[in-house]
Amino acid sequence: MKYLVRVEIRLRKDLHDPEGTVTLSCLQDLGLRQVRSVRSGKVYYLEVETNSKEEAFKIADEACRRLLANPVKDEYSIEIIAEY
């Protein structure tokens, strides 16, 4: 079975996000003053071939811990979005 896994990496909430700050400023300069906050991040889509959703989740979590996320500055979330 194959699983499509969505991994979202973002800065920890207690850290300053300069890219988000600049984006917020630009949006407000464009007249979108209703936007109050912007946080930036990355999204990865992993196609994982394994026997179960649980195993696909574990593999994605290991990928985050070993490569995709920096534990000093990042937090992440994992979602299984499709199986086929």
N, C-alpha and C. Protein backbone atom coordinates (compact mmCIF):
# COMPACT_ATOMS: atom_id res chain seq x y z
N MET A 1 0.85 -1.19 0.00
CA MET A 1 0.00 0.00 0.00
C MET A 1 0.89 1.24 0.00
N LYS A 2 0.46 2.27 -0.74
CA LYS A 2 1.18 3.54 -0.75
C LYS A 2 0.35 4.59 -0.01
N TYR A 3 1.04 5.47 0.68
CA TYR A 3 0.40 6.54 1.42
C TYR A 3 1.03 7.87 1.02
N LEU A 4 0.19 8.88 0.83
CA LEU A 4 0.68 10.23 0.59
C LEU A 4 0.63 10.95 1.93
N VAL A 5 1.79 11.40 2.37
CA VAL A 5 1.93 12.02 3.68
C VAL A 5 2.31 13.48 3.50
N ARG A 6 1.57 14.36 4.16
CA ARG A 6 1.86 15.80 4.14
C ARG A 6 2.59 16.16 5.43
N VAL A 7 3.78 16.74 5.28
CA VAL A 7 4.59 17.17 6.43
C VAL A 7 4.73 18.68 6.37
N GLU A 8 4.35 19.36 7.43
CA GLU A 8 4.47 20.81 7.51
C GLU A 8 5.54 21.16 8.56
N ILE A 9 6.54 21.91 8.13
CA ILE A 9 7.63 22.36 9.01
C ILE A 9 7.47 23.86 9.21
N ARG A 10 7.52 24.31 10.44
CA ARG A 10 7.41 25.74 10.72
C ARG A 10 8.28 26.09 11.92
N LEU A 11 8.63 27.37 12.01
CA LEU A 11 9.40 27.82 13.16
C LEU A 11 8.57 27.67 14.43
N ARG A 12 9.25 27.37 15.53
CA ARG A 12 8.55 27.33 16.82
C ARG A 12 7.88 28.68 17.06
N LYS A 13 6.76 28.66 17.74
CA LYS A 13 5.98 29.88 17.96
C LYS A 13 6.74 30.93 18.75
N ASP A 14 7.67 30.52 19.58
CA ASP A 14 8.40 31.49 20.41
C ASP A 14 9.58 32.14 19.67
N LEU A 15 9.81 31.77 18.41
CA LEU A 15 10.91 32.35 17.64
C LEU A 15 10.39 33.39 16.65
N HIS A 16 11.19 34.40 16.43
CA HIS A 16 10.86 35.45 15.46
C HIS A 16 10.94 34.88 14.05
N ASP A 17 9.95 35.23 13.22
CA ASP A 17 9.88 34.76 11.84
C ASP A 17 10.07 35.95 10.90
N PRO A 18 11.32 36.27 10.51
CA PRO A 18 11.55 37.43 9.67
C PRO A 18 10.83 37.37 8.32
N GLU A 19 10.75 36.21 7.72
CA GLU A 19 10.05 36.08 6.44
C GLU A 19 8.56 36.39 6.62
N GLY A 20 7.98 35.90 7.69
CA GLY A 20 6.59 36.20 7.98
C GLY A 20 6.36 37.68 8.23
N THR A 21 7.29 38.32 8.93
CA THR A 21 7.18 39.75 9.22
C THR A 21 7.21 40.58 7.95
N VAL A 22 8.13 40.27 7.05
CA VAL A 22 8.24 40.99 5.78
C VAL A 22 6.99 40.76 4.93
N THR A 23 6.51 39.54 4.90
CA THR A 23 5.31 39.22 4.13
C THR A 23 4.10 39.98 4.68
N LEU A 24 3.97 40.03 5.99
CA LEU A 24 2.89 40.79 6.61
C LEU A 24 2.95 42.25 6.20
N SER A 25 4.13 42.83 6.26
CA SER A 25 4.30 44.23 5.89
C SER A 25 3.90 44.46 4.43
N CYS A 26 4.31 43.58 3.55
CA CYS A 26 3.98 43.71 2.12
C CYS A 26 2.47 43.57 1.89
N LEU A 27 1.83 42.63 2.56
CA LEU A 27 0.39 42.47 2.42
C LEU A 27 -0.35 43.72 2.89
N GLN A 28 0.10 44.28 4.01
CA GLN A 28 -0.54 45.49 4.51
C GLN A 28 -0.29 46.67 3.58
N ASP A 29 0.90 46.74 2.98
CA ASP A 29 1.19 47.78 1.98
C ASP A 29 0.28 47.66 0.76
N LEU A 30 -0.16 46.45 0.46
CA LEU A 30 -1.08 46.21 -0.65
C LEU A 30 -2.53 46.52 -0.28
N GLY A 31 -2.73 46.99 0.94
CA GLY A 31 -4.07 47.34 1.37
C GLY A 31 -4.81 46.24 2.10
N LEU A 32 -4.16 45.13 2.33
CA LEU A 32 -4.79 44.00 3.04
C LEU A 32 -4.54 44.14 4.55
N ARG A 33 -5.07 45.20 5.12
CA ARG A 33 -4.80 45.54 6.52
C ARG A 33 -5.51 44.60 7.51
N GLN A 34 -6.42 43.79 7.00
CA GLN A 34 -7.11 42.84 7.87
C GLN A 34 -6.19 41.70 8.29
N VAL A 35 -5.12 41.45 7.53
CA VAL A 35 -4.16 40.40 7.88
C VAL A 35 -3.35 40.89 9.07
N ARG A 36 -3.38 40.15 10.16
CA ARG A 36 -2.74 40.56 11.41
C ARG A 36 -1.43 39.85 11.71
N SER A 37 -1.25 38.67 11.10
CA SER A 37 -0.06 37.90 11.41
C SER A 37 0.23 36.95 10.26
N VAL A 38 1.51 36.72 10.00
CA VAL A 38 1.93 35.75 8.98
C VAL A 38 3.09 34.94 9.56
N ARG A 39 3.01 33.63 9.42
CA ARG A 39 4.10 32.74 9.78
C ARG A 39 4.46 31.94 8.53
N SER A 40 5.73 31.82 8.25
CA SER A 40 6.16 31.06 7.07
C SER A 40 6.51 29.63 7.45
N GLY A 41 6.59 28.78 6.45
CA GLY A 41 6.95 27.39 6.69
C GLY A 41 7.18 26.68 5.38
N LYS A 42 7.41 25.38 5.48
CA LYS A 42 7.60 24.54 4.31
C LYS A 42 6.65 23.36 4.40
N VAL A 43 6.25 22.86 3.24
CA VAL A 43 5.42 21.67 3.18
C VAL A 43 6.10 20.65 2.27
N TYR A 44 6.18 19.42 2.75
CA TYR A 44 6.72 18.31 1.97
C TYR A 44 5.62 17.27 1.79
N TYR A 45 5.59 16.66 0.62
CA TYR A 45 4.69 15.55 0.37
C TYR A 45 5.54 14.31 0.15
N LEU A 46 5.36 13.32 1.00
CA LEU A 46 6.13 12.08 0.91
C LEU A 46 5.21 10.97 0.44
N GLU A 47 5.64 10.22 -0.55
CA GLU A 47 4.93 9.01 -0.94
C GLU A 47 5.65 7.86 -0.27
N VAL A 48 4.95 7.19 0.62
CA VAL A 48 5.56 6.13 1.43
C VAL A 48 4.87 4.81 1.11
N GLU A 49 5.67 3.82 0.80
CA GLU A 49 5.13 2.49 0.54
C GLU A 49 5.39 1.62 1.75
N THR A 50 4.32 1.19 2.39
CA THR A 50 4.43 0.37 3.60
C THR A 50 3.11 -0.36 3.83
N ASN A 51 3.02 -1.12 4.91
CA ASN A 51 1.86 -1.97 5.16
C ASN A 51 0.72 -1.30 5.91
N SER A 52 0.96 -0.14 6.56
CA SER A 52 -0.10 0.47 7.37
C SER A 52 0.08 1.97 7.49
N LYS A 53 -1.01 2.64 7.83
CA LYS A 53 -0.96 4.08 8.08
C LYS A 53 -0.01 4.40 9.23
N GLU A 54 -0.06 3.58 10.25
CA GLU A 54 0.79 3.81 11.42
C GLU A 54 2.26 3.77 11.05
N GLU A 55 2.63 2.82 10.21
CA GLU A 55 4.02 2.70 9.78
C GLU A 55 4.41 3.89 8.89
N ALA A 56 3.50 4.32 8.02
CA ALA A 56 3.76 5.49 7.17
C ALA A 56 3.99 6.72 8.04
N PHE A 57 3.19 6.87 9.09
CA PHE A 57 3.35 7.99 10.01
C PHE A 57 4.71 7.92 10.71
N LYS A 58 5.08 6.73 11.17
CA LYS A 58 6.37 6.56 11.85
C LYS A 58 7.54 6.90 10.92
N ILE A 59 7.45 6.49 9.66
CA ILE A 59 8.51 6.79 8.69
C ILE A 59 8.61 8.29 8.47
N ALA A 60 7.47 8.96 8.31
CA ALA A 60 7.47 10.41 8.13
C ALA A 60 8.04 11.11 9.37
N ASP A 61 7.67 10.62 10.55
CA ASP A 61 8.19 11.21 11.78
C ASP A 61 9.71 11.05 11.86
N GLU A 62 10.21 9.90 11.48
CA GLU A 62 11.66 9.69 11.47
C GLU A 62 12.34 10.62 10.47
N ALA A 63 11.72 10.81 9.30
CA ALA A 63 12.27 11.74 8.30
C ALA A 63 12.36 13.15 8.88
N CYS A 64 11.36 13.55 9.62
CA CYS A 64 11.37 14.88 10.25
C CYS A 64 12.47 14.97 11.30
N ARG A 65 12.54 13.99 12.16
CA ARG A 65 13.53 14.02 13.24
C ARG A 65 14.96 13.94 12.72
N ARG A 66 15.19 13.21 11.63
CA ARG A 66 16.54 12.99 11.15
C ARG A 66 17.01 13.99 10.10
N LEU A 67 16.06 14.64 9.38
CA LEU A 67 16.48 15.51 8.29
C LEU A 67 15.63 16.76 8.10
N LEU A 68 14.33 16.61 8.01
CA LEU A 68 13.48 17.70 7.55
C LEU A 68 13.33 18.84 8.55
N ALA A 69 13.30 18.53 9.84
CA ALA A 69 13.08 19.56 10.87
C ALA A 69 14.30 19.69 11.76
N ASN A 70 14.62 20.92 12.10
CA ASN A 70 15.70 21.21 13.04
C ASN A 70 15.07 21.31 14.43
N PRO A 71 15.37 20.40 15.35
CA PRO A 71 14.70 20.41 16.65
C PRO A 71 14.97 21.67 17.48
N VAL A 72 16.01 22.40 17.16
CA VAL A 72 16.32 23.62 17.89
C VAL A 72 15.33 24.73 17.54
N LYS A 73 14.90 24.78 16.27
CA LYS A 73 14.08 25.91 15.84
C LYS A 73 12.73 25.55 15.23
N ASP A 74 12.52 24.29 14.89
CA ASP A 74 11.32 23.91 14.15
C ASP A 74 10.36 23.06 14.96
N GLU A 75 9.11 23.13 14.56
CA GLU A 75 8.10 22.16 14.98
C GLU A 75 7.46 21.64 13.70
N TYR A 76 6.80 20.50 13.78
CA TYR A 76 6.24 19.92 12.57
C TYR A 76 4.95 19.19 12.86
N SER A 77 4.19 19.01 11.78
CA SER A 77 2.97 18.20 11.87
C SER A 77 2.94 17.25 10.68
N ILE A 78 2.32 16.10 10.89
CA ILE A 78 2.27 15.05 9.89
C ILE A 78 0.81 14.66 9.68
N GLU A 79 0.43 14.51 8.42
CA GLU A 79 -0.95 14.12 8.10
C GLU A 79 -0.91 13.13 6.94
N ILE A 80 -1.57 12.00 7.11
CA ILE A 80 -1.75 11.05 6.02
C ILE A 80 -2.94 11.57 5.21
N ILE A 81 -2.70 11.95 3.95
CA ILE A 81 -3.79 12.58 3.19
C ILE A 81 -4.39 11.67 2.12
N ALA A 82 -3.73 10.56 1.80
CA ALA A 82 -4.31 9.63 0.82
C ALA A 82 -3.64 8.27 0.97
N GLU A 83 -4.38 7.26 0.59
CA GLU A 83 -3.80 5.91 0.49
C GLU A 83 -4.29 5.31 -0.82
N TYR A 84 -3.37 4.59 -1.46
CA TYR A 84 -3.72 4.01 -2.75
C TYR A 84 -2.87 2.80 -3.02
